[in-house]
Protein backbone atom coordinates (compact mmCIF):
# COMPACT_ATOMS: atom_id res chain seq x y z
CA MET A 1 81.73 4.72 1.34
CA HIS A 2 82.98 8.02 2.72
CA ILE A 3 79.56 8.61 4.27
CA SER A 4 79.71 5.27 6.09
CA ARG A 5 83.22 5.99 7.33
CA PHE A 6 82.18 9.46 8.46
CA THR A 7 79.03 8.13 10.13
CA GLY A 8 81.02 5.38 11.86
CA SER A 9 83.50 7.98 13.12
CA CYS A 10 80.62 10.10 14.42
CA TYR A 11 79.19 7.15 16.35
CA LEU A 12 82.68 6.51 17.69
CA SER A 13 82.86 10.10 18.97
CA LEU A 14 79.38 9.78 20.48
CA GLY A 15 80.36 6.66 22.40
CA ASP A 16 78.15 4.24 20.45
CA PHE A 17 81.02 1.81 19.87
CA ARG A 18 78.86 -1.11 18.70
CA ARG A 19 77.24 0.90 15.93
CA ALA A 20 80.59 2.49 15.06
CA GLU A 21 82.23 -0.92 14.80
CA ARG A 22 79.46 -2.26 12.55
CA LEU A 23 79.71 0.67 10.13
CA LEU A 24 83.48 0.84 10.17
CA THR A 25 83.84 -2.89 9.53
CA LYS A 26 81.62 -2.59 6.47
CA THR A 27 83.43 0.52 5.27
CA THR A 28 86.89 -0.98 5.78
CA ASP A 29 85.93 -3.93 3.60
CA GLU A 30 84.83 -1.56 0.82
CA LEU A 31 87.85 0.77 0.76
CA HIS A 32 90.35 -1.42 -1.07
CA ASP A 33 90.30 0.83 -4.16
CA ARG A 34 90.79 4.10 -2.25
CA ARG A 35 94.50 4.27 -1.56
CA ASN A 36 94.56 7.21 0.86
CA SER A 37 91.49 6.10 2.82
CA ARG A 38 92.48 2.50 3.48
CA ALA A 39 94.22 3.18 6.80
CA VAL A 40 91.53 5.46 8.28
CA GLY A 41 88.83 2.77 8.34
CA PRO A 42 90.81 0.11 10.20
CA GLY A 43 92.34 2.76 12.46
CA SER A 44 88.89 3.98 13.47
CA LEU A 45 87.76 0.38 13.82
CA ALA A 46 90.69 -0.21 16.19
CA LEU A 47 89.54 2.75 18.29
CA ALA A 48 85.98 1.40 18.47
CA ARG A 49 87.24 -2.02 19.52
CA ILE A 50 89.66 -0.59 22.09
CA ARG A 51 86.82 1.39 23.63
CA ARG A 52 84.65 -1.74 23.75
CA GLY A 53 87.48 -3.65 25.44
CA GLU A 54 87.94 -6.05 22.52
CA MET A 55 91.72 -5.97 22.62
CA ASP A 56 92.48 -8.88 20.26
CA ALA A 57 90.17 -7.55 17.56
CA ALA A 58 91.46 -4.01 18.14
CA LEU A 59 95.05 -5.13 17.60
CA VAL A 60 94.10 -6.85 14.34
CA ALA A 61 92.49 -3.64 13.05
CA PHE A 62 95.41 -1.56 14.32
CA SER A 63 97.89 -3.80 12.52
CA THR A 64 95.88 -3.52 9.32
CA ALA A 65 95.91 0.27 9.57
CA VAL A 66 99.67 0.40 10.15
CA ASN A 67 100.31 -2.01 7.27
CA GLU A 68 98.28 0.25 4.98
CA LEU A 69 100.26 3.26 6.18
CA HIS A 70 103.50 1.63 5.04
CA SER A 71 102.37 2.17 1.45
CA THR A 72 100.14 5.25 1.66
CA ARG A 73 101.60 7.46 4.40
CA GLY A 74 98.20 9.16 4.53
CA GLY A 75 97.96 11.93 7.13
CA GLY A 76 94.44 11.01 8.25
CA GLY A 77 95.46 7.40 8.74
CA MET A 78 98.52 8.47 10.71
CA ASN A 79 96.39 10.60 13.03
CA VAL A 80 93.95 7.78 13.70
CA ALA A 81 96.71 5.20 14.19
CA PHE A 82 98.51 7.38 16.73
CA SER A 83 95.22 8.06 18.52
CA ALA A 84 94.68 4.31 18.79
CA ALA A 85 98.25 3.83 20.03
CA ARG A 86 97.62 6.39 22.79
CA GLU A 87 94.44 4.58 23.82
CA LEU A 88 96.41 1.32 24.08
CA ARG A 89 98.51 2.77 26.93
CA PRO A 90 96.58 1.04 29.74
CA TRP A 91 97.63 -2.30 28.20
CA ARG A 92 101.22 -1.27 27.41
CA ASP A 93 102.63 -4.07 29.59
CA GLU A 94 101.03 -6.72 27.38
CA LEU A 95 103.37 -8.18 24.76
CA ALA A 96 100.83 -7.94 21.91
CA VAL A 97 100.33 -4.22 22.59
CA GLN A 98 104.08 -3.62 22.74
CA GLU A 99 104.49 -5.38 19.40
CA ALA A 100 101.68 -3.31 17.85
CA GLN A 101 103.22 -0.08 19.05
CA ASP A 102 106.64 -1.20 17.81
CA GLN A 103 105.03 -1.80 14.42
CA LEU A 104 103.91 1.83 14.40
CA MET A 105 107.37 3.05 15.42
CA THR A 106 108.92 0.94 12.65
CA LEU A 107 106.67 2.76 10.21
CA MET A 108 108.20 6.03 11.34
CA GLU A 109 111.75 4.67 10.80
CA VAL A 110 111.14 3.77 7.16
CA THR A 111 112.03 6.49 4.69
């Protein structure tokens, strides 16, 4: 599972967003038993979907990542979620994007 997540992240970095999305979707579905990895998969999937211009699907993955972070507070997941939030900036005037970014800020308020 870690290999698939790593491979998906590599394809994401290489700009092959379709292949990255396919691998990351599969990996995200398989990570339910790995507490600290659960946010990284959907966060990376959000990045792949943002880069493909699939905003609705990206926001679903982003929300999943942030929800996982509420319980895990994993550093890798935080990094990926904030990277995705930065890449959402061009759509910051859209209500759904504002709500997603507010969800991330709410995470930071919780102690």
